[in-house]
Amino acid sequence: MLVRKSVRSVIEQEIHALLMESEDASESLSADDELFELGLNSLMLAQLLIQLEAELGVDPFSEQVSITDIRSVSDLVNAYEQAIEARSQGEG
């Protein structure tokens, strides 16, 4: 099972990869960074979620969380951690 740090690192890595493609790359991310302030538009967010589902093996937006509740990096990390936890407990 992925631990908090690795979930966060996967998410940060994927955000950096997307931002580098658009030349809006930031040096570092903090948990409080708002996704739209980082430069993620709706298309980039969709690409990010596809990549995260492939990397982490879960889709937290199928049942557990609404995408409209996700504003920051920490919101995204928490959503994926909850989905991973639910899957490990046989709930998802």
PDB file of N, CA and C in Angstrom:
ATOM      1  N   MET A   1       0.835  -1.179   0.000  1.00  0.00           N
ATOM      2  CA  MET A   1       0.000   0.000   0.000  1.00  0.00           C
ATOM      3  C   MET A   1       0.879   1.241   0.000  1.00  0.00           C
ATOM      4  N   LEU A   2       0.458   2.256  -0.714  1.00  0.00           N
ATOM      5  CA  LEU A   2       1.206   3.495  -0.769  1.00  0.00           C
ATOM      6  C   LEU A   2       1.070   4.260   0.533  1.00  0.00           C
ATOM      7  N   VAL A   3       2.150   4.842   0.982  1.00  0.00           N
ATOM      8  CA  VAL A   3       2.102   5.686   2.165  1.00  0.00           C
ATOM      9  C   VAL A   3       1.883   7.123   1.742  1.00  0.00           C
ATOM     10  N   ARG A   4       1.540   7.988   2.713  1.00  0.00           N
ATOM     11  CA  ARG A   4       1.194   9.381   2.420  1.00  0.00           C
ATOM     12  C   ARG A   4       2.256  10.068   1.561  1.00  0.00           C
ATOM     13  N   LYS A   5       3.515   9.917   1.924  1.00  0.00           N
ATOM     14  CA  LYS A   5       4.578  10.595   1.193  1.00  0.00           C
ATOM     15  C   LYS A   5       4.623  10.153  -0.262  1.00  0.00           C
ATOM     16  N   SER A   6       4.438   8.879  -0.517  1.00  0.00           N
ATOM     17  CA  SER A   6       4.531   8.425  -1.899  1.00  0.00           C
ATOM     18  C   SER A   6       3.320   8.871  -2.717  1.00  0.00           C
ATOM     19  N   VAL A   7       2.122   8.923  -2.106  1.00  0.00           N
ATOM     20  CA  VAL A   7       0.957   9.435  -2.821  1.00  0.00           C
ATOM     21  C   VAL A   7       1.208  10.895  -3.190  1.00  0.00           C
ATOM     22  N   ARG A   8       1.656  11.653  -2.223  1.00  0.00           N
ATOM     23  CA  ARG A   8       1.956  13.068  -2.470  1.00  0.00           C
ATOM     24  C   ARG A   8       3.041  13.225  -3.542  1.00  0.00           C
ATOM     25  N   SER A   9       4.086  12.407  -3.483  1.00  0.00           N
ATOM     26  CA  SER A   9       5.172  12.535  -4.457  1.00  0.00           C
ATOM     27  C   SER A   9       4.699  12.179  -5.865  1.00  0.00           C
ATOM     28  N   VAL A  10       3.841  11.170  -5.988  1.00  0.00           N
ATOM     29  CA  VAL A  10       3.291  10.819  -7.306  1.00  0.00           C
ATOM     30  C   VAL A  10       2.461  11.986  -7.844  1.00  0.00           C
ATOM     31  N   ILE A  11       1.628  12.567  -6.998  1.00  0.00           N
ATOM     32  CA  ILE A  11       0.787  13.689  -7.419  1.00  0.00           C
ATOM     33  C   ILE A  11       1.651  14.877  -7.821  1.00  0.00           C
ATOM     34  N   GLU A  12       2.646  15.203  -7.014  1.00  0.00           N
ATOM     35  CA  GLU A  12       3.536  16.325  -7.349  1.00  0.00           C
ATOM     36  C   GLU A  12       4.284  16.068  -8.649  1.00  0.00           C
ATOM     37  N   GLN A  13       4.752  14.853  -8.835  1.00  0.00           N
ATOM     38  CA  GLN A  13       5.478  14.503 -10.058  1.00  0.00           C
ATOM     39  C   GLN A  13       4.589  14.686 -11.282  1.00  0.00           C
ATOM     40  N   GLU A  14       3.350  14.234 -11.201  1.00  0.00           N
ATOM     41  CA  GLU A  14       2.434  14.356 -12.339  1.00  0.00           C
ATOM     42  C   GLU A  14       2.049  15.811 -12.602  1.00  0.00           C
ATOM     43  N   ILE A  15       1.870  16.600 -11.546  1.00  0.00           N
ATOM     44  CA  ILE A  15       1.579  18.028 -11.730  1.00  0.00           C
ATOM     45  C   ILE A  15       2.760  18.711 -12.404  1.00  0.00           C
ATOM     46  N   HIS A  16       3.963  18.441 -11.928  1.00  0.00           N
ATOM     47  CA  HIS A  16       5.160  19.030 -12.541  1.00  0.00           C
ATOM     48  C   HIS A  16       5.268  18.646 -14.016  1.00  0.00           C
ATOM     49  N   ALA A  17       5.000  17.391 -14.331  1.00  0.00           N
ATOM     50  CA  ALA A  17       5.088  16.940 -15.723  1.00  0.00           C
ATOM     51  C   ALA A  17       4.109  17.713 -16.607  1.00  0.00           C
ATOM     52  N   LEU A  18       2.894  17.905 -16.128  1.00  0.00           N
ATOM     53  CA  LEU A  18       1.908  18.659 -16.909  1.00  0.00           C
ATOM     54  C   LEU A  18       2.301  20.119 -17.054  1.00  0.00           C
ATOM     55  N   LEU A  19       2.778  20.718 -15.980  1.00  0.00           N
ATOM     56  CA  LEU A  19       3.144  22.133 -16.032  1.00  0.00           C
ATOM     57  C   LEU A  19       4.371  22.361 -16.901  1.00  0.00           C
ATOM     58  N   MET A  20       5.285  21.399 -16.933  1.00  0.00           N
ATOM     59  CA  MET A  20       6.463  21.537 -17.795  1.00  0.00           C
ATOM     60  C   MET A  20       6.065  21.533 -19.263  1.00  0.00           C
ATOM     61  N   GLU A  21       5.035  20.747 -19.597  1.00  0.00           N
ATOM     62  CA  GLU A  21       4.544  20.729 -20.969  1.00  0.00           C
ATOM     63  C   GLU A  21       3.996  22.087 -21.379  1.00  0.00           C
ATOM     64  N   SER A  22       3.433  22.823 -20.421  1.00  0.00           N
ATOM     65  CA  SER A  22       2.836  24.117 -20.732  1.00  0.00           C
ATOM     66  C   SER A  22       3.761  25.285 -20.377  1.00  0.00           C
ATOM     67  N   GLU A  23       4.980  24.969 -19.938  1.00  0.00           N
ATOM     68  CA  GLU A  23       5.980  25.969 -19.570  1.00  0.00           C
ATOM     69  C   GLU A  23       5.562  26.815 -18.375  1.00  0.00           C
ATOM     70  N   ASP A  24       4.672  26.297 -17.519  1.00  0.00           N
ATOM     71  CA  ASP A  24       4.252  26.994 -16.306  1.00  0.00           C
ATOM     72  C   ASP A  24       4.819  26.314 -15.065  1.00  0.00           C
ATOM     73  N   ALA A  25       5.927  25.621 -15.228  1.00  0.00           N
ATOM     74  CA  ALA A  25       6.464  24.819 -14.130  1.00  0.00           C
ATOM     75  C   ALA A  25       6.910  25.688 -12.961  1.00  0.00           C
ATOM     76  N   SER A  26       6.588  25.223 -11.774  1.00  0.00           N
ATOM     77  CA  SER A  26       6.981  25.871 -10.534  1.00  0.00           C
ATOM     78  C   SER A  26       8.107  25.057  -9.917  1.00  0.00           C
ATOM     79  N   GLU A  27       8.948  25.714  -9.161  1.00  0.00           N
ATOM     80  CA  GLU A  27      10.057  25.007  -8.517  1.00  0.00           C
ATOM     81  C   GLU A  27       9.556  23.952  -7.538  1.00  0.00           C
ATOM     82  N   SER A  28       8.622  24.326  -6.681  1.00  0.00           N
ATOM     83  CA  SER A  28       8.122  23.376  -5.696  1.00  0.00           C
ATOM     84  C   SER A  28       6.639  23.606  -5.463  1.00  0.00           C
ATOM     85  N   LEU A  29       6.010  22.594  -4.919  1.00  0.00           N
ATOM     86  CA  LEU A  29       4.584  22.668  -4.609  1.00  0.00           C
ATOM     87  C   LEU A  29       4.419  22.581  -3.107  1.00  0.00           C
ATOM     88  N   SER A  30       3.427  23.287  -2.597  1.00  0.00           N
ATOM     89  CA  SER A  30       3.079  23.116  -1.190  1.00  0.00           C
ATOM     90  C   SER A  30       1.680  22.533  -1.126  1.00  0.00           C
ATOM     91  N   ALA A  31       1.340  21.981   0.007  1.00  0.00           N
ATOM     92  CA  ALA A  31       0.032  21.354   0.183  1.00  0.00           C
ATOM     93  C   ALA A  31      -1.102  22.352  -0.013  1.00  0.00           C
ATOM     94  N   ASP A  32      -0.847  23.604   0.305  1.00  0.00           N
ATOM     95  CA  ASP A  32      -1.892  24.622   0.225  1.00  0.00           C
ATOM     96  C   ASP A  32      -2.028  25.257  -1.154  1.00  0.00           C
ATOM     97  N   ASP A  33      -1.158  24.912  -2.081  1.00  0.00           N
ATOM     98  CA  ASP A  33      -1.241  25.489  -3.427  1.00  0.00           C
ATOM     99  C   ASP A  33      -2.575  25.142  -4.064  1.00  0.00           C
ATOM    100  N   GLU A  34      -3.256  26.159  -4.562  1.00  0.00           N
ATOM    101  CA  GLU A  34      -4.504  25.961  -5.293  1.00  0.00           C
ATOM    102  C   GLU A  34      -4.150  25.485  -6.705  1.00  0.00           C
ATOM    103  N   LEU A  35      -4.874  24.482  -7.182  1.00  0.00           N
ATOM    104  CA  LEU A  35      -4.561  23.889  -8.485  1.00  0.00           C
ATOM    105  C   LEU A  35      -4.662  24.915  -9.613  1.00  0.00           C
ATOM    106  N   PHE A  36      -5.689  25.760  -9.594  1.00  0.00           N
ATOM    107  CA  PHE A  36      -5.830  26.742 -10.665  1.00  0.00           C
ATOM    108  C   PHE A  36      -4.731  27.796 -10.609  1.00  0.00           C
ATOM    109  N   GLU A  37      -4.241  28.111  -9.407  1.00  0.00           N
ATOM    110  CA  GLU A  37      -3.156  29.086  -9.283  1.00  0.00           C
ATOM    111  C   GLU A  37      -1.832  28.529  -9.811  1.00  0.00           C
ATOM    112  N   LEU A  38      -1.708  27.216  -9.810  1.00  0.00           N
ATOM    113  CA  LEU A  38      -0.515  26.579 -10.366  1.00  0.00           C
ATOM    114  C   LEU A  38      -0.511  26.626 -11.892  1.00  0.00           C
ATOM    115  N   GLY A  39      -1.681  26.906 -12.466  1.00  0.00           N
ATOM    116  CA  GLY A  39      -1.786  26.962 -13.917  1.00  0.00           C
ATOM    117  C   GLY A  39      -2.507  25.783 -14.529  1.00  0.00           C
ATOM    118  N   LEU A  40      -3.129  24.941 -13.701  1.00  0.00           N
ATOM    119  CA  LEU A  40      -3.859  23.794 -14.234  1.00  0.00           C
ATOM    120  C   LEU A  40      -5.235  24.240 -14.727  1.00  0.00           C
ATOM    121  N   ASN A  41      -5.457  24.109 -16.021  1.00  0.00           N
ATOM    122  CA  ASN A  41      -6.788  24.391 -16.565  1.00  0.00           C
ATOM    123  C   ASN A  41      -7.604  23.096 -16.555  1.00  0.00           C
ATOM    124  N   SER A  42      -8.827  23.150 -17.020  1.00  0.00           N
ATOM    125  CA  SER A  42      -9.696  21.974 -16.938  1.00  0.00           C
ATOM    126  C   SER A  42      -9.165  20.794 -17.754  1.00  0.00           C
ATOM    127  N   LEU A  43      -8.586  21.061 -18.911  1.00  0.00           N
ATOM    128  CA  LEU A  43      -8.021  19.975 -19.721  1.00  0.00           C
ATOM    129  C   LEU A  43      -6.823  19.343 -19.012  1.00  0.00           C
ATOM    130  N   MET A  44      -5.976  20.176 -18.440  1.00  0.00           N
ATOM    131  CA  MET A  44      -4.817  19.656 -17.716  1.00  0.00           C
ATOM    132  C   MET A  44      -5.246  18.871 -16.483  1.00  0.00           C
ATOM    133  N   LEU A  45      -6.288  19.329 -15.808  1.00  0.00           N
ATOM    134  CA  LEU A  45      -6.797  18.606 -14.644  1.00  0.00           C
ATOM    135  C   LEU A  45      -7.317  17.228 -15.057  1.00  0.00           C
ATOM    136  N   ALA A  46      -8.020  17.175 -16.170  1.00  0.00           N
ATOM    137  CA  ALA A  46      -8.505  15.883 -16.677  1.00  0.00           C
ATOM    138  C   ALA A  46      -7.333  14.955 -16.996  1.00  0.00           C
ATOM    139  N   GLN A  47      -6.294  15.491 -17.632  1.00  0.00           N
ATOM    140  CA  GLN A  47      -5.110  14.688 -17.928  1.00  0.00           C
ATOM    141  C   GLN A  47      -4.437  14.213 -16.640  1.00  0.00           C
ATOM    142  N   LEU A  48      -4.381  15.094 -15.651  1.00  0.00           N
ATOM    143  CA  LEU A  48      -3.785  14.743 -14.366  1.00  0.00           C
ATOM    144  C   LEU A  48      -4.535  13.588 -13.714  1.00  0.00           C
ATOM    145  N   LEU A  49      -5.854  13.660 -13.715  1.00  0.00           N
ATOM    146  CA  LEU A  49      -6.654  12.609 -13.083  1.00  0.00           C
ATOM    147  C   LEU A  49      -6.504  11.271 -13.793  1.00  0.00           C
ATOM    148  N   ILE A  50      -6.380  11.297 -15.112  1.00  0.00           N
ATOM    149  CA  ILE A  50      -6.149  10.061 -15.872  1.00  0.00           C
ATOM    150  C   ILE A  50      -4.803   9.454 -15.487  1.00  0.00           C
ATOM    151  N   GLN A  51      -3.781  10.293 -15.410  1.00  0.00           N
ATOM    152  CA  GLN A  51      -2.447   9.816 -15.037  1.00  0.00           C
ATOM    153  C   GLN A  51      -2.424   9.282 -13.611  1.00  0.00           C
ATOM    154  N   LEU A  52      -3.100   9.984 -12.707  1.00  0.00           N
ATOM    155  CA  LEU A  52      -3.106   9.551 -11.309  1.00  0.00           C
ATOM    156  C   LEU A  52      -3.853   8.231 -11.133  1.00  0.00           C
ATOM    157  N   GLU A  53      -4.929   8.054 -11.867  1.00  0.00           N
ATOM    158  CA  GLU A  53      -5.646   6.781 -11.784  1.00  0.00           C
ATOM    159  C   GLU A  53      -4.749   5.644 -12.275  1.00  0.00           C
ATOM    160  N   ALA A  54      -4.006   5.895 -13.349  1.00  0.00           N
ATOM    161  CA  ALA A  54      -3.099   4.871 -13.875  1.00  0.00           C
ATOM    162  C   ALA A  54      -1.961   4.584 -12.881  1.00  0.00           C
ATOM    163  N   GLU A  55      -1.417   5.616 -12.269  1.00  0.00           N
ATOM    164  CA  GLU A  55      -0.293   5.452 -11.342  1.00  0.00           C
ATOM    165  C   GLU A  55      -0.713   4.867 -10.003  1.00  0.00           C
ATOM    166  N   LEU A  56      -1.845   5.340  -9.471  1.00  0.00           N
ATOM    167  CA  LEU A  56      -2.251   4.963  -8.116  1.00  0.00           C
ATOM    168  C   LEU A  56      -3.283   3.839  -8.072  1.00  0.00           C
ATOM    169  N   GLY A  57      -3.907   3.564  -9.218  1.00  0.00           N
ATOM    170  CA  GLY A  57      -4.828   2.437  -9.307  1.00  0.00           C
ATOM    171  C   GLY A  57      -6.199   2.654  -8.706  1.00  0.00           C
ATOM    172  N   VAL A  58      -6.552   3.893  -8.423  1.00  0.00           N
ATOM    173  CA  VAL A  58      -7.873   4.190  -7.865  1.00  0.00           C
ATOM    174  C   VAL A  58      -8.440   5.453  -8.522  1.00  0.00           C
ATOM    175  N   ASP A  59      -9.758   5.551  -8.474  1.00  0.00           N
ATOM    176  CA  ASP A  59     -10.462   6.748  -8.940  1.00  0.00           C
ATOM    177  C   ASP A  59     -11.329   7.253  -7.792  1.00  0.00           C
ATOM    178  N   PRO A  60     -10.851   8.242  -7.044  1.00  0.00           N
ATOM    179  CA  PRO A  60     -11.609   8.717  -5.891  1.00  0.00           C
ATOM    180  C   PRO A  60     -12.886   9.458  -6.264  1.00  0.00           C
ATOM    181  N   PHE A  61     -13.038   9.777  -7.532  1.00  0.00           N
ATOM    182  CA  PHE A  61     -14.182  10.574  -7.961  1.00  0.00           C
ATOM    183  C   PHE A  61     -15.337   9.724  -8.471  1.00  0.00           C
ATOM    184  N   SER A  62     -15.185   8.402  -8.409  1.00  0.00           N
ATOM    185  CA  SER A  62     -16.277   7.535  -8.836  1.00  0.00           C
ATOM    186  C   SER A  62     -17.388   7.483  -7.786  1.00  0.00           C
ATOM    187  N   GLU A  63     -17.014   7.543  -6.522  1.00  0.00           N
ATOM    188  CA  GLU A  63     -18.021   7.460  -5.459  1.00  0.00           C
ATOM    189  C   GLU A  63     -17.678   8.312  -4.242  1.00  0.00           C
ATOM    190  N   GLN A  64     -16.431   8.322  -3.832  1.00  0.00           N
ATOM    191  CA  GLN A  64     -16.056   8.914  -2.556  1.00  0.00           C
ATOM    192  C   GLN A  64     -16.088  10.446  -2.525  1.00  0.00           C
ATOM    193  N   VAL A  65     -15.590  11.085  -3.559  1.00  0.00           N
ATOM    194  CA  VAL A  65     -15.358  12.525  -3.543  1.00  0.00           C
ATOM    195  C   VAL A  65     -15.881  13.160  -4.829  1.00  0.00           C
ATOM    196  N   SER A  66     -16.339  14.392  -4.713  1.00  0.00           N
ATOM    197  CA  SER A  66     -16.734  15.151  -5.898  1.00  0.00           C
ATOM    198  C   SER A  66     -15.543  15.981  -6.370  1.00  0.00           C
ATOM    199  N   ILE A  67     -15.306  15.995  -7.654  1.00  0.00           N
ATOM    200  CA  ILE A  67     -14.189  16.763  -8.202  1.00  0.00           C
ATOM    201  C   ILE A  67     -14.306  18.242  -7.859  1.00  0.00           C
ATOM    202  N   THR A  68     -15.532  18.731  -7.676  1.00  0.00           N
ATOM    203  CA  THR A  68     -15.717  20.143  -7.342  1.00  0.00           C
ATOM    204  C   THR A  68     -15.239  20.476  -5.931  1.00  0.00           C
ATOM    205  N   ASP A  69     -14.981  19.459  -5.106  1.00  0.00           N
ATOM    206  CA  ASP A  69     -14.457  19.676  -3.759  1.00  0.00           C
ATOM    207  C   ASP A  69     -12.936  19.825  -3.746  1.00  0.00           C
ATOM    208  N   ILE A  70     -12.302  19.564  -4.861  1.00  0.00           N
ATOM    209  CA  ILE A  70     -10.845  19.585  -4.938  1.00  0.00           C
ATOM    210  C   ILE A  70     -10.375  20.972  -5.369  1.00  0.00           C
ATOM    211  N   ARG A  71      -9.648  21.627  -4.478  1.00  0.00           N
ATOM    212  CA  ARG A  71      -9.128  22.964  -4.762  1.00  0.00           C
ATOM    213  C   ARG A  71      -7.600  23.029  -4.692  1.00  0.00           C
ATOM    214  N   SER A  72      -7.025  22.259  -3.780  1.00  0.00           N
ATOM    215  CA  SER A  72      -5.591  22.372  -3.518  1.00  0.00           C
ATOM    216  C   SER A  72      -4.890  21.030  -3.699  1.00  0.00           C
ATOM    217  N   VAL A  73      -3.571  21.096  -3.651  1.00  0.00           N
ATOM    218  CA  VAL A  73      -2.760  19.887  -3.728  1.00  0.00           C
ATOM    219  C   VAL A  73      -3.127  18.946  -2.579  1.00  0.00           C
ATOM    220  N   SER A  74      -3.294  19.494  -1.385  1.00  0.00           N
ATOM    221  CA  SER A  74      -3.637  18.633  -0.243  1.00  0.00           C
ATOM    222  C   SER A  74      -5.018  18.001  -0.390  1.00  0.00           C
ATOM    223  N   ASP A  75      -5.976  18.712  -0.995  1.00  0.00           N
ATOM    224  CA  ASP A  75      -7.291  18.118  -1.262  1.00  0.00           C
ATOM    225  C   ASP A  75      -7.142  16.902  -2.170  1.00  0.00           C
ATOM    226  N   LEU A  76      -6.304  17.030  -3.180  1.00  0.00           N
ATOM    227  CA  LEU A  76      -6.086  15.937  -4.127  1.00  0.00           C
ATOM    228  C   LEU A  76      -5.405  14.752  -3.438  1.00  0.00           C
ATOM    229  N   VAL A  77      -4.392  15.041  -2.632  1.00  0.00           N
ATOM    230  CA  VAL A  77      -3.692  13.985  -1.890  1.00  0.00           C
ATOM    231  C   VAL A  77      -4.674  13.258  -0.977  1.00  0.00           C
ATOM    232  N   ASN A  78      -5.477  14.013  -0.241  1.00  0.00           N
ATOM    233  CA  ASN A  78      -6.443  13.408   0.683  1.00  0.00           C
ATOM    234  C   ASN A  78      -7.457  12.540  -0.057  1.00  0.00           C
ATOM    235  N   ALA A  79      -7.929  12.993  -1.200  1.00  0.00           N
ATOM    236  CA  ALA A  79      -8.906  12.217  -1.975  1.00  0.00           C
ATOM    237  C   ALA A  79      -8.317  10.870  -2.396  1.00  0.00           C
ATOM    238  N   TYR A  80      -7.092  10.878  -2.882  1.00  0.00           N
ATOM    239  CA  TYR A  80      -6.470   9.626  -3.316  1.00  0.00           C
ATOM    240  C   TYR A  80      -6.132   8.731  -2.132  1.00  0.00           C
ATOM    241  N   GLU A  81      -5.696   9.318  -1.017  1.00  0.00           N
ATOM    242  CA  GLU A  81      -5.415   8.497   0.166  1.00  0.00           C
ATOM    243  C   GLU A  81      -6.681   7.810   0.671  1.00  0.00           C
ATOM    244  N   GLN A  82      -7.794   8.550   0.695  1.00  0.00           N
ATOM    245  CA  GLN A  82      -9.060   7.960   1.137  1.00  0.00           C
ATOM    246  C   GLN A  82      -9.489   6.828   0.211  1.00  0.00           C
ATOM    247  N   ALA A  83      -9.328   7.023  -1.088  1.00  0.00           N
ATOM    248  CA  ALA A  83      -9.708   5.983  -2.050  1.00  0.00           C
ATOM    249  C   ALA A  83      -8.827   4.746  -1.905  1.00  0.00           C
ATOM    250  N   ILE A  84      -7.548   4.950  -1.676  1.00  0.00           N
ATOM    251  CA  ILE A  84      -6.631   3.829  -1.482  1.00  0.00           C
ATOM    252  C   ILE A  84      -6.976   3.088  -0.193  1.00  0.00           C
ATOM    253  N   GLU A  85      -7.283   3.841   0.852  1.00  0.00           N
ATOM    254  CA  GLU A  85      -7.674   3.228   2.129  1.00  0.00           C
ATOM    255  C   GLU A  85      -8.976   2.428   1.973  1.00  0.00           C
ATOM    256  N   ALA A  86      -9.947   3.016   1.295  1.00  0.00           N
ATOM    257  CA  ALA A  86     -11.229   2.316   1.074  1.00  0.00           C
ATOM    258  C   ALA A  86     -11.012   1.029   0.282  1.00  0.00           C
ATOM    259  N   ARG A  87     -10.163   1.100  -0.733  1.00  0.00           N
ATOM    260  CA  ARG A  87      -9.879  -0.098  -1.532  1.00  0.00           C
ATOM    261  C   ARG A  87      -9.196  -1.167  -0.686  1.00  0.00           C
ATOM    262  N   SER A  88      -8.275  -0.760   0.167  1.00  0.00           N
ATOM    263  CA  SER A  88      -7.557  -1.737   0.993  1.00  0.00           C
ATOM    264  C   SER A  88      -8.470  -2.385   2.029  1.00  0.00           C
ATOM    265  N   GLN A  89      -9.553  -1.685   2.377  1.00  0.00           N
ATOM    266  CA  GLN A  89     -10.511  -2.230   3.337  1.00  0.00           C
ATOM    267  C   GLN A  89     -11.660  -2.941   2.631  1.00  0.00           C
ATOM    268  N   GLY A  90     -11.584  -3.024   1.313  1.00  0.00           N
ATOM    269  CA  GLY A  90     -12.606  -3.724   0.549  1.00  0.00           C
ATOM    270  C   GLY A  90     -13.884  -2.935   0.323  1.00  0.00           C
ATOM    271  N   GLU A  91     -13.804  -1.604   0.505  1.00  0.00           N
ATOM    272  CA  GLU A  91     -14.986  -0.760   0.335  1.00  0.00           C
ATOM    273  C   GLU A  91     -15.095  -0.161  -1.050  1.00  0.00           C
ATOM    274  N   GLY A  92     -14.050  -0.156  -1.816  1.00  0.00           N
ATOM    275  CA  GLY A  92     -14.070   0.510  -3.111  1.00  0.00           C
ATOM    276  C   GLY A  92     -13.740  -0.407  -4.140  1.00  0.00           C
TER     277      GLY A  92
END
